[in-house]
Amino acid sequence: MKNKIKAIVLGATGMVGEGVLHECLKHPEVESVLVINRKPCGVKHKKLKEIIHKDFLDFSRIENHLSGYNACYFCMGVSSIGMNEKDYTRITYDLTMHVASTLLKYNNEMTFCYVSGVGTDSSEKGRSMWARVKGKTENDLMKLPFRKVYNFRPGFIKPTPGLKNAYKSYKYFTPFYPLLRKILPTYVTTLEEIGIAMINVSLKDYNNNILECKDIVNAAK
């Protein structure tokens, strides 16, 4: 990418999106950031513009604000616990593909980074419902004619100190992060590394469209 990054960040009120936004606002190669949220993210910065929008399956009301961006960092997601496949597919697959297709109309030179998760099933045929749905989402995103599509598959994520949206359960595991990193390097990364890796693959590409934890660490260097 020859120009500086003008990014759209989705999911900035969640843990991963907040961390990615944090890295974007710090990075000298990121010129501007648009966040689209259902509620305010609570961040103020000269690079940042925020749109509050409730229905992510209908962007018609805000489409005139979506052109001129060369990266999208899609960090939205919900747990599949207690959900049937139809509802999970609507929230995960249908919503993601609608947003991506809408952005593509206005930004066909965009790099699109999607956060799925470790264990995602690229075959779409496994026993795990969430992994199949995530796998189909990844596969169909890669069929869209963006400049590049990268699927990020983090496992355990070490939160960035000072941010407010870390999963509460993570505070019990964070003290063990150095050990986890040593014995389970394929399953752990930091939130900082995810954000920097997204910026880096937008700037200089990466040799794989699917980034497992080791790839995320490498891409963040």
C-alpha atoms as a PDB file:
ATOM      1  CA  MET A   1       0.000   0.000   0.000  1.00  0.00           C
ATOM      2  CA  LYS A   2       1.554   3.289  -1.129  1.00  0.00           C
ATOM      3  CA  ASN A   3      -0.738   5.619   0.771  1.00  0.00           C
ATOM      4  CA  LYS A   4      -1.337   5.874   4.490  1.00  0.00           C
ATOM      5  CA  ILE A   5      -4.115   3.800   5.961  1.00  0.00           C
ATOM      6  CA  LYS A   6      -7.642   5.118   6.155  1.00  0.00           C
ATOM      7  CA  ALA A   7      -9.394   2.407   8.140  1.00  0.00           C
ATOM      8  CA  ILE A   8     -12.899   1.408   9.104  1.00  0.00           C
ATOM      9  CA  VAL A   9     -12.989  -0.450  12.430  1.00  0.00           C
ATOM     10  CA  LEU A  10     -16.077  -2.482  13.304  1.00  0.00           C
ATOM     11  CA  GLY A  11     -16.552  -3.835  16.813  1.00  0.00           C
ATOM     12  CA  ALA A  12     -14.724  -1.064  18.663  1.00  0.00           C
ATOM     13  CA  THR A  13     -16.928  -1.517  21.738  1.00  0.00           C
ATOM     14  CA  GLY A  14     -15.630  -5.076  22.175  1.00  0.00           C
ATOM     15  CA  MET A  15     -12.269  -6.286  23.430  1.00  0.00           C
ATOM     16  CA  VAL A  16     -10.586  -6.990  20.098  1.00  0.00           C
ATOM     17  CA  GLY A  17     -12.014  -3.977  18.284  1.00  0.00           C
ATOM     18  CA  GLU A  18     -11.061  -1.642  21.111  1.00  0.00           C
ATOM     19  CA  GLY A  19      -7.499  -2.951  21.011  1.00  0.00           C
ATOM     20  CA  VAL A  20      -7.249  -2.645  17.233  1.00  0.00           C
ATOM     21  CA  LEU A  21      -8.620   0.900  17.374  1.00  0.00           C
ATOM     22  CA  HIS A  22      -6.074   1.743  20.084  1.00  0.00           C
ATOM     23  CA  GLU A  23      -3.195   0.594  17.859  1.00  0.00           C
ATOM     24  CA  CYS A  24      -4.590   2.462  14.829  1.00  0.00           C
ATOM     25  CA  LEU A  25      -4.789   5.742  16.685  1.00  0.00           C
ATOM     26  CA  LYS A  26      -1.174   5.383  17.838  1.00  0.00           C
ATOM     27  CA  HIS A  27       0.309   4.297  14.521  1.00  0.00           C
ATOM     28  CA  PRO A  28       1.981   6.942  12.322  1.00  0.00           C
ATOM     29  CA  GLU A  29       0.939   5.161   9.111  1.00  0.00           C
ATOM     30  CA  VAL A  30      -2.759   5.350   9.981  1.00  0.00           C
ATOM     31  CA  GLU A  31      -4.148   8.668   8.788  1.00  0.00           C
ATOM     32  CA  SER A  32      -7.792   8.341   9.840  1.00  0.00           C
ATOM     33  CA  VAL A  33     -10.228   5.885  11.398  1.00  0.00           C
ATOM     34  CA  LEU A  34     -13.987   5.506  11.067  1.00  0.00           C
ATOM     35  CA  VAL A  35     -15.748   3.410  13.688  1.00  0.00           C
ATOM     36  CA  ILE A  36     -19.333   2.250  13.211  1.00  0.00           C
ATOM     37  CA  ASN A  37     -20.985   1.191  16.455  1.00  0.00           C
ATOM     38  CA  ARG A  38     -24.399   0.606  17.936  1.00  0.00           C
ATOM     39  CA  LYS A  39     -23.314   2.661  20.950  1.00  0.00           C
ATOM     40  CA  PRO A  40     -20.504   5.197  21.512  1.00  0.00           C
ATOM     41  CA  CYS A  41     -17.056   3.703  22.031  1.00  0.00           C
ATOM     42  CA  GLY A  42     -16.068   6.477  24.432  1.00  0.00           C
ATOM     43  CA  VAL A  43     -12.847   7.370  22.591  1.00  0.00           C
ATOM     44  CA  LYS A  44     -11.980  10.862  21.380  1.00  0.00           C
ATOM     45  CA  HIS A  45      -9.078  11.474  19.000  1.00  0.00           C
ATOM     46  CA  LYS A  46      -8.242  13.813  16.145  1.00  0.00           C
ATOM     47  CA  LYS A  47      -7.943  10.857  13.746  1.00  0.00           C
ATOM     48  CA  LEU A  48     -11.271   9.351  14.765  1.00  0.00           C
ATOM     49  CA  LYS A  49     -14.780   9.691  13.357  1.00  0.00           C
ATOM     50  CA  GLU A  50     -17.675   7.705  14.835  1.00  0.00           C
ATOM     51  CA  ILE A  51     -21.052   6.778  13.370  1.00  0.00           C
ATOM     52  CA  ILE A  52     -23.763   5.335  15.616  1.00  0.00           C
ATOM     53  CA  HIS A  53     -25.828   2.882  13.601  1.00  0.00           C
ATOM     54  CA  LYS A  54     -28.143   0.170  14.914  1.00  0.00           C
ATOM     55  CA  ASP A  55     -28.845  -2.144  11.965  1.00  0.00           C
ATOM     56  CA  PHE A  56     -25.709  -3.752  10.507  1.00  0.00           C
ATOM     57  CA  LEU A  57     -27.817  -5.661   8.002  1.00  0.00           C
ATOM     58  CA  ASP A  58     -28.929  -2.385   6.423  1.00  0.00           C
ATOM     59  CA  PHE A  59     -26.292   0.267   5.740  1.00  0.00           C
ATOM     60  CA  SER A  60     -28.400   2.259   3.280  1.00  0.00           C
ATOM     61  CA  ARG A  61     -28.718   5.232   5.636  1.00  0.00           C
ATOM     62  CA  ILE A  62     -24.961   5.632   6.057  1.00  0.00           C
ATOM     63  CA  GLU A  63     -23.579   4.461   2.707  1.00  0.00           C
ATOM     64  CA  ASN A  64     -22.611   8.005   1.725  1.00  0.00           C
ATOM     65  CA  HIS A  65     -20.055   7.981   4.560  1.00  0.00           C
ATOM     66  CA  LEU A  66     -18.293   4.761   3.521  1.00  0.00           C
ATOM     67  CA  SER A  67     -16.131   5.735   0.541  1.00  0.00           C
ATOM     68  CA  GLY A  68     -12.467   6.698   0.603  1.00  0.00           C
ATOM     69  CA  TYR A  69     -11.134   3.954   2.902  1.00  0.00           C
ATOM     70  CA  ASN A  70      -8.436   1.422   2.079  1.00  0.00           C
ATOM     71  CA  ALA A  71      -8.686  -0.934   5.067  1.00  0.00           C
ATOM     72  CA  CYS A  72     -11.416  -2.545   7.149  1.00  0.00           C
ATOM     73  CA  TYR A  73     -10.732  -4.261  10.461  1.00  0.00           C
ATOM     74  CA  PHE A  74     -13.810  -6.346  11.187  1.00  0.00           C
ATOM     75  CA  CYS A  75     -13.720  -7.272  14.878  1.00  0.00           C
ATOM     76  CA  MET A  76     -17.411  -7.885  15.556  1.00  0.00           C
ATOM     77  CA  GLY A  77     -18.597 -11.215  16.869  1.00  0.00           C
ATOM     78  CA  VAL A  78     -20.799 -13.040  19.349  1.00  0.00           C
ATOM     79  CA  SER A  79     -20.490 -16.259  21.305  1.00  0.00           C
ATOM     80  CA  SER A  80     -22.356 -19.235  19.889  1.00  0.00           C
ATOM     81  CA  ILE A  81     -23.258 -20.476  23.388  1.00  0.00           C
ATOM     82  CA  GLY A  82     -27.017 -20.963  23.607  1.00  0.00           C
ATOM     83  CA  MET A  83     -27.614 -20.095  19.958  1.00  0.00           C
ATOM     84  CA  ASN A  84     -28.992 -22.301  17.204  1.00  0.00           C
ATOM     85  CA  GLU A  85     -27.221 -22.461  13.853  1.00  0.00           C
ATOM     86  CA  LYS A  86     -29.781 -20.329  12.007  1.00  0.00           C
ATOM     87  CA  ASP A  87     -29.487 -17.401  14.431  1.00  0.00           C
ATOM     88  CA  TYR A  88     -25.722 -17.689  14.736  1.00  0.00           C
ATOM     89  CA  THR A  89     -25.389 -17.738  10.953  1.00  0.00           C
ATOM     90  CA  ARG A  90     -27.494 -14.592  10.626  1.00  0.00           C
ATOM     91  CA  ILE A  91     -25.414 -12.677  13.162  1.00  0.00           C
ATOM     92  CA  THR A  92     -22.067 -14.048  12.030  1.00  0.00           C
ATOM     93  CA  TYR A  93     -22.193 -14.924   8.324  1.00  0.00           C
ATOM     94  CA  ASP A  94     -25.067 -12.810   6.958  1.00  0.00           C
ATOM     95  CA  LEU A  95     -24.063  -9.645   8.805  1.00  0.00           C
ATOM     96  CA  THR A  96     -20.378  -9.928   7.898  1.00  0.00           C
ATOM     97  CA  MET A  97     -21.050 -10.594   4.227  1.00  0.00           C
ATOM     98  CA  HIS A  98     -23.534  -7.724   4.015  1.00  0.00           C
ATOM     99  CA  VAL A  99     -21.068  -5.277   5.525  1.00  0.00           C
ATOM    100  CA  ALA A 100     -18.219  -6.533   3.335  1.00  0.00           C
ATOM    101  CA  SER A 101     -20.300  -6.394   0.147  1.00  0.00           C
ATOM    102  CA  THR A 102     -21.436  -2.869   0.953  1.00  0.00           C
ATOM    103  CA  LEU A 103     -17.899  -1.643   1.617  1.00  0.00           C
ATOM    104  CA  LEU A 104     -16.691  -3.292  -1.578  1.00  0.00           C
ATOM    105  CA  LYS A 105     -19.041  -1.144  -3.657  1.00  0.00           C
ATOM    106  CA  TYR A 106     -17.211   1.976  -2.527  1.00  0.00           C
ATOM    107  CA  ASN A 107     -13.688   0.717  -1.778  1.00  0.00           C
ATOM    108  CA  ASN A 108     -12.575  -2.056  -4.123  1.00  0.00           C
ATOM    109  CA  GLU A 109      -8.897  -1.408  -3.295  1.00  0.00           C
ATOM    110  CA  MET A 110      -9.555  -2.157   0.362  1.00  0.00           C
ATOM    111  CA  THR A 111      -7.698  -4.669   2.531  1.00  0.00           C
ATOM    112  CA  PHE A 112     -10.295  -6.524   4.609  1.00  0.00           C
ATOM    113  CA  CYS A 113      -9.208  -8.150   7.891  1.00  0.00           C
ATOM    114  CA  TYR A 114     -11.700 -10.459   9.583  1.00  0.00           C
ATOM    115  CA  VAL A 115     -11.396 -11.850  13.110  1.00  0.00           C
ATOM    116  CA  SER A 116     -12.659 -15.412  13.413  1.00  0.00           C
ATOM    117  CA  GLY A 117     -10.822 -17.633  15.899  1.00  0.00           C
ATOM    118  CA  VAL A 118      -8.543 -20.580  16.454  1.00  0.00           C
ATOM    119  CA  GLY A 119     -10.295 -23.801  15.438  1.00  0.00           C
ATOM    120  CA  THR A 120     -12.261 -22.265  12.576  1.00  0.00           C
ATOM    121  CA  ASP A 121     -13.266 -24.996  10.105  1.00  0.00           C
ATOM    122  CA  SER A 122     -12.279 -24.147   6.536  1.00  0.00           C
ATOM    123  CA  SER A 123     -13.895 -27.362   5.271  1.00  0.00           C
ATOM    124  CA  GLU A 124     -17.310 -26.177   6.564  1.00  0.00           C
ATOM    125  CA  LYS A 125     -18.068 -29.855   7.328  1.00  0.00           C
ATOM    126  CA  GLY A 126     -16.909 -30.382  10.916  1.00  0.00           C
ATOM    127  CA  ARG A 127     -19.012 -31.172  13.963  1.00  0.00           C
ATOM    128  CA  SER A 128     -18.605 -27.758  15.597  1.00  0.00           C
ATOM    129  CA  MET A 129     -21.387 -25.413  14.504  1.00  0.00           C
ATOM    130  CA  TRP A 130     -19.563 -22.152  15.222  1.00  0.00           C
ATOM    131  CA  ALA A 131     -16.419 -23.374  13.456  1.00  0.00           C
ATOM    132  CA  ARG A 132     -18.380 -24.297  10.322  1.00  0.00           C
ATOM    133  CA  VAL A 133     -20.119 -20.926  10.196  1.00  0.00           C
ATOM    134  CA  LYS A 134     -16.865 -19.051  10.758  1.00  0.00           C
ATOM    135  CA  GLY A 135     -15.204 -21.197   8.107  1.00  0.00           C
ATOM    136  CA  LYS A 136     -17.895 -20.394   5.541  1.00  0.00           C
ATOM    137  CA  THR A 137     -17.574 -16.705   6.407  1.00  0.00           C
ATOM    138  CA  GLU A 138     -13.820 -16.791   5.881  1.00  0.00           C
ATOM    139  CA  ASN A 139     -14.137 -18.727   2.621  1.00  0.00           C
ATOM    140  CA  ASP A 140     -16.771 -16.452   1.122  1.00  0.00           C
ATOM    141  CA  LEU A 141     -14.937 -13.292   2.165  1.00  0.00           C
ATOM    142  CA  MET A 142     -11.888 -14.530   0.254  1.00  0.00           C
ATOM    143  CA  LYS A 143     -14.046 -14.837  -2.877  1.00  0.00           C
ATOM    144  CA  LEU A 144     -14.843 -11.111  -2.830  1.00  0.00           C
ATOM    145  CA  PRO A 145     -12.627  -8.956  -5.077  1.00  0.00           C
ATOM    146  CA  PHE A 146     -11.031  -6.845  -2.374  1.00  0.00           C
ATOM    147  CA  ARG A 147      -7.360  -5.980  -2.833  1.00  0.00           C
ATOM    148  CA  LYS A 148      -6.602  -8.475  -0.055  1.00  0.00           C
ATOM    149  CA  VAL A 149      -8.603 -10.455   2.531  1.00  0.00           C
ATOM    150  CA  TYR A 150      -6.952 -11.737   5.708  1.00  0.00           C
ATOM    151  CA  ASN A 151      -8.618 -13.972   8.271  1.00  0.00           C
ATOM    152  CA  PHE A 152      -7.235 -13.694  11.799  1.00  0.00           C
ATOM    153  CA  ARG A 153      -7.567 -16.706  14.102  1.00  0.00           C
ATOM    154  CA  PRO A 154      -6.468 -15.717  17.603  1.00  0.00           C
ATOM    155  CA  GLY A 155      -6.841 -18.026  20.597  1.00  0.00           C
ATOM    156  CA  PHE A 156      -6.106 -16.672  24.065  1.00  0.00           C
ATOM    157  CA  ILE A 157      -5.447 -12.934  23.795  1.00  0.00           C
ATOM    158  CA  LYS A 158      -3.452 -11.017  26.382  1.00  0.00           C
ATOM    159  CA  PRO A 159      -5.365  -7.740  26.902  1.00  0.00           C
ATOM    160  CA  THR A 160      -3.747  -4.351  26.437  1.00  0.00           C
ATOM    161  CA  PRO A 161      -3.279  -2.662  29.843  1.00  0.00           C
ATOM    162  CA  GLY A 162      -5.569   0.298  30.422  1.00  0.00           C
ATOM    163  CA  LEU A 163      -8.313  -0.680  27.999  1.00  0.00           C
ATOM    164  CA  LYS A 164     -11.786  -1.263  29.399  1.00  0.00           C
ATOM    165  CA  ASN A 165     -13.406  -4.017  27.340  1.00  0.00           C
ATOM    166  CA  ALA A 166     -11.233  -7.043  28.166  1.00  0.00           C
ATOM    167  CA  TYR A 167     -13.200 -10.203  28.895  1.00  0.00           C
ATOM    168  CA  LYS A 168     -13.546 -10.491  32.668  1.00  0.00           C
ATOM    169  CA  SER A 169     -12.333 -14.089  32.718  1.00  0.00           C
ATOM    170  CA  TYR A 170      -9.042 -13.075  31.121  1.00  0.00           C
ATOM    171  CA  LYS A 171      -7.831 -11.401  34.302  1.00  0.00           C
ATOM    172  CA  TYR A 172      -7.427 -14.849  35.843  1.00  0.00           C
ATOM    173  CA  PHE A 173      -5.246 -16.104  32.987  1.00  0.00           C
ATOM    174  CA  THR A 174      -3.169 -13.020  32.195  1.00  0.00           C
ATOM    175  CA  PRO A 175      -0.634 -13.663  35.014  1.00  0.00           C
ATOM    176  CA  PHE A 176       0.124 -17.010  33.343  1.00  0.00           C
ATOM    177  CA  TYR A 177       0.601 -15.479  29.903  1.00  0.00           C
ATOM    178  CA  PRO A 178       4.428 -15.859  29.778  1.00  0.00           C
ATOM    179  CA  LEU A 179       4.057 -19.575  30.515  1.00  0.00           C
ATOM    180  CA  LEU A 180       1.214 -19.999  28.020  1.00  0.00           C
ATOM    181  CA  ARG A 181       3.256 -18.227  25.360  1.00  0.00           C
ATOM    182  CA  LYS A 182       6.119 -20.622  25.970  1.00  0.00           C
ATOM    183  CA  ILE A 183       4.230 -23.913  26.053  1.00  0.00           C
ATOM    184  CA  LEU A 184       1.282 -23.087  23.732  1.00  0.00           C
ATOM    185  CA  PRO A 185       2.647 -20.609  21.177  1.00  0.00           C
ATOM    186  CA  THR A 186       0.096 -21.676  18.570  1.00  0.00           C
ATOM    187  CA  TYR A 187      -2.800 -20.622  20.799  1.00  0.00           C
ATOM    188  CA  VAL A 188      -1.778 -17.306  22.371  1.00  0.00           C
ATOM    189  CA  THR A 189      -1.075 -13.771  21.247  1.00  0.00           C
ATOM    190  CA  THR A 190      -1.480 -10.233  22.541  1.00  0.00           C
ATOM    191  CA  LEU A 191      -4.131  -7.713  21.626  1.00  0.00           C
ATOM    192  CA  GLU A 192      -1.360  -5.301  20.685  1.00  0.00           C
ATOM    193  CA  GLU A 193       0.055  -7.842  18.218  1.00  0.00           C
ATOM    194  CA  ILE A 194      -3.344  -8.323  16.573  1.00  0.00           C
ATOM    195  CA  GLY A 195      -3.738  -4.587  15.989  1.00  0.00           C
ATOM    196  CA  ILE A 196      -0.203  -4.093  14.694  1.00  0.00           C
ATOM    197  CA  ALA A 197      -0.465  -7.192  12.494  1.00  0.00           C
ATOM    198  CA  MET A 198      -3.616  -5.831  10.833  1.00  0.00           C
ATOM    199  CA  ILE A 199      -1.860  -2.551  10.122  1.00  0.00           C
ATOM    200  CA  ASN A 200       1.240  -4.316   8.791  1.00  0.00           C
ATOM    201  CA  VAL A 201      -0.627  -6.643   6.429  1.00  0.00           C
ATOM    202  CA  SER A 202      -2.460  -3.608   5.077  1.00  0.00           C
ATOM    203  CA  LEU A 203       0.812  -1.816   4.425  1.00  0.00           C
ATOM    204  CA  LYS A 204       3.001  -4.616   3.083  1.00  0.00           C
ATOM    205  CA  ASP A 205       0.850  -7.748   2.666  1.00  0.00           C
ATOM    206  CA  TYR A 206       1.456 -11.219   4.116  1.00  0.00           C
ATOM    207  CA  ASN A 207       2.133 -14.576   2.488  1.00  0.00           C
ATOM    208  CA  ASN A 208      -0.961 -16.303   3.867  1.00  0.00           C
ATOM    209  CA  ASN A 209      -4.616 -15.272   3.880  1.00  0.00           C
ATOM    210  CA  ILE A 210      -5.232 -17.150   7.135  1.00  0.00           C
ATOM    211  CA  LEU A 211      -3.253 -15.947  10.134  1.00  0.00           C
ATOM    212  CA  GLU A 212      -3.049 -18.337  13.051  1.00  0.00           C
ATOM    213  CA  CYS A 213      -1.468 -17.099  16.284  1.00  0.00           C
ATOM    214  CA  LYS A 214       2.105 -17.674  15.086  1.00  0.00           C
ATOM    215  CA  ASP A 215       1.345 -15.766  11.897  1.00  0.00           C
ATOM    216  CA  ILE A 216      -0.169 -12.894  13.863  1.00  0.00           C
ATOM    217  CA  VAL A 217       2.986 -12.667  15.984  1.00  0.00           C
ATOM    218  CA  ASN A 218       5.186 -12.748  12.870  1.00  0.00           C
ATOM    219  CA  ALA A 219       3.088 -10.164  11.029  1.00  0.00           C
ATOM    220  CA  ALA A 220       3.302  -7.824  14.012  1.00  0.00           C
ATOM    221  CA  LYS A 221       7.117  -7.679  13.889  1.00  0.00           C
END
